[in-house]
Amino acid sequence: MKGLANLKIKTLKSTETCPIHHIPLEYLKGMKPFCVECQREETEREKKQQVEDFKIESVRSVLTKLSLVDDASEYNHTFKNFDAPEGTREVQIKKQTRMIAYRYLKDRDDEFNTIMYGTPGQGKTHLAMAMLNAVNDNAKQPQKCLFVNTVSLIQAIKDSWDDPTARWTEKYAIKLLKGVDLLVLDDLGSESAMNVGDKTASQFVQDILYKVTNRQHRIITTTNLTLDQLQRVYNAKLVSRLRAGSRNSAIDFTGITDKRY
């Protein structure tokens, strides 16, 4: 019967009355009587729900459609499939990151950053993506979540210099990273470590990150550098912005078993 009221079909009047709209029900031979107004309202509700579902999906799809990841399999990283054997430090860190994710999830206006640091292979990228997936999938008010590998970001911007059709121009990247509700900057510092003979981040990299952190105040950063090394590689003001509000959300992964073996 849904949508029947919008079709130009001649119906018959029933002796029954709609208890809501107090108008005669209508019917077709062999079919149950219906209220034209009830049908119209149901159709409008369905249209509104379709629009709302589309908006929600548009927001949630930002993570998989616009992120820059090293490997597409990283999208599958969740808290559930993070290896944390009973009695290990991984259990504590998993619990801590889940609590932080919940803070981001329950209040999109709660502005604070998270920094996860330690040597390579300790699960920082896995848990950062797990946090994004938790927020992306469960926030009642959908949040735009974005995961960006720093090395891939800088390379994509540099590639755009010789390609006028490229999406990842500097202007596009900065606007996108500033405009999401929750951002992961993954593997910060690796883009500088690749500079031969100079471990300090270039002014170009520093400028991009500074413009992003100037407006983006919900950043989860993963890095293989210690906090002291971050201070040596990046401008002090930039590091201060990356660490803003992270007093209770700075996580040291030192001592965790390498997850890549």
Protein backbone atom coordinates (compact mmCIF):
# COMPACT_ATOMS: atom_id res chain seq x y z
CA MET A 1 0.00 0.00 0.00
CA LYS A 2 2.95 2.35 0.40
CA GLY A 3 2.87 5.12 -2.17
CA LEU A 4 -0.57 4.10 -3.46
CA ALA A 5 -1.99 7.46 -2.47
CA ASN A 6 0.34 9.17 -4.97
CA LEU A 7 -0.90 7.10 -7.90
CA LYS A 8 -3.77 8.39 -9.97
CA ILE A 9 -6.00 5.39 -9.46
CA LYS A 10 -9.71 5.77 -8.89
CA THR A 11 -10.59 4.39 -5.50
CA LEU A 12 -13.83 3.67 -3.71
CA LYS A 13 -14.93 5.32 -0.47
CA SER A 14 -15.28 3.11 2.56
CA THR A 15 -17.78 3.48 5.39
CA GLU A 16 -14.81 3.29 7.78
CA THR A 17 -13.05 6.44 9.01
CA CYS A 18 -9.38 7.05 9.78
CA PRO A 19 -9.05 7.43 13.58
CA ILE A 20 -6.17 9.88 13.08
CA HIS A 21 -7.34 12.17 10.27
CA HIS A 22 -11.08 11.52 10.61
CA ILE A 23 -11.63 11.12 6.89
CA PRO A 24 -13.23 8.19 5.03
CA LEU A 25 -10.89 5.35 4.17
CA GLU A 26 -10.51 4.44 0.51
CA TYR A 27 -9.99 1.10 -1.13
CA LEU A 28 -9.66 -0.85 -4.33
CA LYS A 29 -11.71 -3.93 -4.88
CA GLY A 30 -10.12 -6.88 -3.14
CA MET A 31 -7.78 -4.68 -1.11
CA LYS A 32 -7.81 -3.47 2.47
CA PRO A 33 -9.10 0.12 3.01
CA PHE A 34 -6.45 2.76 3.65
CA CYS A 35 -6.19 6.43 4.63
CA VAL A 36 -4.86 8.70 1.89
CA GLU A 37 -3.33 11.08 4.44
CA CYS A 38 -1.64 8.28 6.37
CA GLN A 39 -0.15 7.00 3.13
CA ARG A 40 1.07 10.47 2.16
CA GLU A 41 2.70 10.98 5.56
CA GLU A 42 4.38 7.55 5.39
CA THR A 43 5.80 8.41 1.97
CA GLU A 44 7.18 11.71 3.32
CA ARG A 45 8.77 9.92 6.28
CA GLU A 46 10.44 7.45 3.94
CA LYS A 47 11.81 10.28 1.80
CA LYS A 48 13.20 12.11 4.84
CA GLN A 49 14.77 8.90 6.14
CA GLN A 50 16.42 8.25 2.77
CA VAL A 51 17.89 11.75 2.79
CA GLU A 52 19.11 11.32 6.37
CA ASP A 53 20.63 7.91 5.59
CA PHE A 54 22.42 9.44 2.58
CA LYS A 55 23.86 12.24 4.72
CA ILE A 56 25.09 9.79 7.34
CA GLU A 57 26.68 7.53 4.73
CA SER A 58 28.34 10.54 3.07
CA VAL A 59 29.98 11.48 6.36
CA ARG A 60 31.02 7.94 7.30
CA SER A 61 32.44 7.21 3.85
CA VAL A 62 35.02 10.01 4.21
CA LEU A 63 37.30 7.59 6.08
CA THR A 64 37.56 5.05 3.26
CA LYS A 65 37.15 7.41 0.30
CA LEU A 66 39.54 10.22 1.20
CA SER A 67 42.17 8.78 3.54
CA LEU A 68 45.79 8.15 2.59
CA VAL A 69 46.92 4.76 3.89
CA ASP A 70 49.98 2.65 3.12
CA ASP A 71 47.90 -0.50 2.75
CA ALA A 72 44.14 -0.84 2.25
CA SER A 73 44.11 -3.65 4.82
CA GLU A 74 44.68 -1.00 7.48
CA TYR A 75 41.01 -0.05 7.20
CA ASN A 76 40.23 -3.38 8.88
CA HIS A 77 42.13 -2.52 12.05
CA THR A 78 39.82 -2.59 15.07
CA PHE A 79 40.12 -2.99 18.82
CA LYS A 80 38.72 -6.49 18.45
CA ASN A 81 41.53 -7.75 16.22
CA PHE A 82 44.36 -6.01 18.10
CA ASP A 83 46.56 -8.69 19.66
CA ALA A 84 46.67 -8.09 23.41
CA PRO A 85 47.51 -11.31 25.32
CA GLU A 86 46.35 -11.39 28.94
CA GLY A 87 48.91 -9.99 31.34
CA THR A 88 50.81 -7.93 28.76
CA ARG A 89 51.19 -4.15 28.48
CA GLU A 90 49.14 -4.29 25.30
CA VAL A 91 46.03 -4.86 27.42
CA GLN A 92 46.59 -1.59 29.27
CA ILE A 93 47.27 0.39 26.11
CA LYS A 94 44.27 -1.10 24.33
CA LYS A 95 42.06 -0.07 27.25
CA GLN A 96 43.54 3.42 27.29
CA THR A 97 43.02 4.00 23.58
CA ARG A 98 39.43 2.72 23.80
CA MET A 99 38.71 5.24 26.55
CA ILE A 100 40.21 8.03 24.46
CA ALA A 101 38.17 6.96 21.44
CA TYR A 102 35.05 7.07 23.58
CA ARG A 103 35.81 10.68 24.53
CA TYR A 104 36.07 11.63 20.86
CA LEU A 105 32.94 9.64 20.07
CA LYS A 106 30.60 11.02 22.72
CA ASP A 107 31.41 14.70 22.17
CA ARG A 108 32.58 16.04 18.81
CA ASP A 109 33.23 19.41 20.50
CA ASP A 110 35.70 17.94 22.99
CA GLU A 111 38.95 19.38 21.63
CA PHE A 112 42.13 17.57 22.61
CA ASN A 113 44.94 15.79 20.83
CA THR A 114 46.41 12.32 21.31
CA ILE A 115 50.00 11.34 20.67
CA MET A 116 51.17 7.72 20.40
CA TYR A 117 54.94 7.25 20.32
CA GLY A 118 57.44 4.40 20.32
CA THR A 119 59.60 2.31 18.02
CA PRO A 120 58.22 0.82 14.75
CA GLY A 121 55.98 -2.24 14.71
CA GLN A 122 54.32 -1.79 18.10
CA GLY A 123 50.74 -1.37 16.92
CA LYS A 124 50.39 2.42 16.93
CA THR A 125 48.91 2.53 13.43
CA HIS A 126 46.57 -0.35 14.23
CA LEU A 127 45.16 1.32 17.33
CA ALA A 128 44.93 4.74 15.67
CA MET A 129 42.77 3.23 12.93
CA ALA A 130 40.81 1.26 15.52
CA MET A 131 40.00 4.54 17.27
CA LEU A 132 38.81 6.09 14.02
CA ASN A 133 36.69 3.05 13.15
CA ALA A 134 35.09 3.12 16.60
CA VAL A 135 34.14 6.79 16.24
CA ASN A 136 33.14 6.45 12.60
CA ASP A 137 30.86 3.48 13.21
CA ASN A 138 29.28 4.44 16.52
CA ALA A 139 28.96 8.20 16.89
CA LYS A 140 25.27 9.09 17.15
CA GLN A 141 25.98 12.37 15.43
CA PRO A 142 28.19 11.22 12.52
CA GLN A 143 31.73 12.56 12.51
CA LYS A 144 34.04 12.97 9.53
CA CYS A 145 37.08 10.82 10.30
CA LEU A 146 40.27 10.92 8.23
CA PHE A 147 43.46 8.83 8.36
CA VAL A 148 46.53 10.31 6.67
CA ASN A 149 49.97 8.74 6.46
CA THR A 150 52.36 11.69 6.67
CA VAL A 151 54.87 10.33 4.15
CA SER A 152 52.09 9.65 1.63
CA LEU A 153 50.63 13.12 2.23
CA ILE A 154 53.87 14.98 1.54
CA GLN A 155 54.60 12.82 -1.51
CA ALA A 156 51.09 13.35 -2.91
CA ILE A 157 51.41 17.12 -2.56
CA LYS A 158 54.83 17.10 -4.25
CA ASP A 159 53.44 14.94 -7.09
CA SER A 160 50.73 17.54 -7.70
CA TRP A 161 53.35 20.14 -8.58
CA ASP A 162 53.82 18.52 -11.99
CA ASP A 163 50.22 17.41 -12.45
CA PRO A 164 47.56 20.15 -12.73
CA THR A 165 44.80 17.50 -12.56
CA ALA A 166 45.99 16.00 -9.25
CA ARG A 167 43.58 16.04 -6.33
CA TRP A 168 46.13 16.31 -3.52
CA THR A 169 47.34 19.84 -4.03
CA GLU A 170 48.62 21.69 -0.98
CA LYS A 171 45.43 23.79 -0.87
CA TYR A 172 43.17 20.72 -1.07
CA ALA A 173 45.14 18.81 1.57
CA ILE A 174 45.13 21.63 4.11
CA LYS A 175 41.43 22.34 3.62
CA LEU A 176 40.52 18.63 3.97
CA LEU A 177 42.65 17.98 7.04
CA LYS A 178 41.34 21.10 8.78
CA GLY A 179 37.72 20.33 7.93
CA VAL A 180 37.25 16.85 9.41
CA ASP A 181 36.01 16.11 12.93
CA LEU A 182 38.82 13.72 13.85
CA LEU A 183 42.20 13.36 12.12
CA VAL A 184 44.97 10.78 12.37
CA LEU A 185 48.46 11.88 11.32
CA ASP A 186 50.21 8.55 11.01
CA ASP A 187 53.96 7.96 11.14
CA LEU A 188 54.90 11.58 11.76
CA GLY A 189 58.65 12.01 11.47
CA SER A 190 59.27 9.37 8.82
CA GLU A 191 59.01 11.99 6.09
CA SER A 192 61.93 13.82 7.74
CA ALA A 193 63.97 10.70 8.47
CA MET A 194 64.13 10.08 4.72
CA ASN A 195 66.10 13.28 4.19
CA VAL A 196 69.72 12.29 3.63
CA GLY A 197 72.04 13.98 6.13
CA ASP A 198 69.29 16.18 7.59
CA LYS A 199 66.85 14.84 10.15
CA THR A 200 65.09 18.17 10.60
CA ALA A 201 61.70 18.53 8.92
CA SER A 202 61.83 20.83 5.91
CA GLN A 203 60.20 24.25 6.10
CA PHE A 204 57.72 23.02 3.50
CA VAL A 205 56.57 20.17 5.73
CA GLN A 206 56.49 22.37 8.82
CA ASP A 207 54.37 25.00 7.04
CA ILE A 208 51.78 22.44 5.95
CA LEU A 209 51.50 20.89 9.41
CA TYR A 210 51.37 24.29 11.06
CA LYS A 211 48.47 25.41 8.84
CA VAL A 212 46.59 22.21 9.68
CA THR A 213 47.19 22.32 13.43
CA ASN A 214 46.27 26.00 13.50
CA ARG A 215 42.63 25.02 12.91
CA GLN A 216 42.43 21.30 13.66
CA HIS A 217 42.26 20.57 17.39
CA ARG A 218 41.31 16.87 17.37
CA ILE A 219 44.39 15.06 16.11
CA ILE A 220 45.67 11.57 16.86
CA THR A 221 49.38 11.46 16.00
CA THR A 222 51.49 8.32 15.72
CA THR A 223 55.26 8.61 15.57
CA ASN A 224 58.38 6.48 15.97
CA LEU A 225 60.12 9.45 17.58
CA THR A 226 60.35 10.13 21.29
CA LEU A 227 58.87 13.36 22.60
CA ASP A 228 62.39 14.82 22.88
CA GLN A 229 63.18 13.83 19.29
CA LEU A 230 59.97 15.51 18.12
CA GLN A 231 61.22 18.75 19.67
CA ARG A 232 64.48 18.46 17.71
CA VAL A 233 62.83 17.58 14.39
CA TYR A 234 59.96 20.07 14.41
CA ASN A 235 59.44 23.67 15.42
CA ALA A 236 58.58 23.96 19.11
CA LYS A 237 55.33 25.80 18.35
CA LEU A 238 54.22 23.00 16.01
CA VAL A 239 55.00 20.31 18.59
CA SER A 240 53.08 22.29 21.17
CA ARG A 241 50.04 22.34 18.89
CA LEU A 242 50.31 18.61 18.21
CA ARG A 243 50.47 17.90 21.94
CA ALA A 244 47.75 20.36 22.94
CA GLY A 245 45.36 18.82 25.46
CA SER A 246 47.24 15.49 25.46
CA ARG A 247 48.18 15.46 29.16
CA ASN A 248 45.96 12.39 29.64
CA SER A 249 46.24 11.05 26.10
CA ALA A 250 49.98 10.69 25.46
CA ILE A 251 50.78 6.98 25.13
CA ASP A 252 54.29 5.52 25.25
CA PHE A 253 54.44 2.20 23.36
CA THR A 254 58.00 1.44 24.45
CA GLY A 255 58.45 -2.18 25.46
CA ILE A 256 55.64 -3.64 23.37
CA THR A 257 56.46 -6.67 21.23
CA ASP A 258 56.97 -5.96 17.53
CA LYS A 259 53.65 -6.83 15.84
CA ARG A 260 55.17 -7.29 12.40
CA TYR A 261 56.89 -10.58 13.21
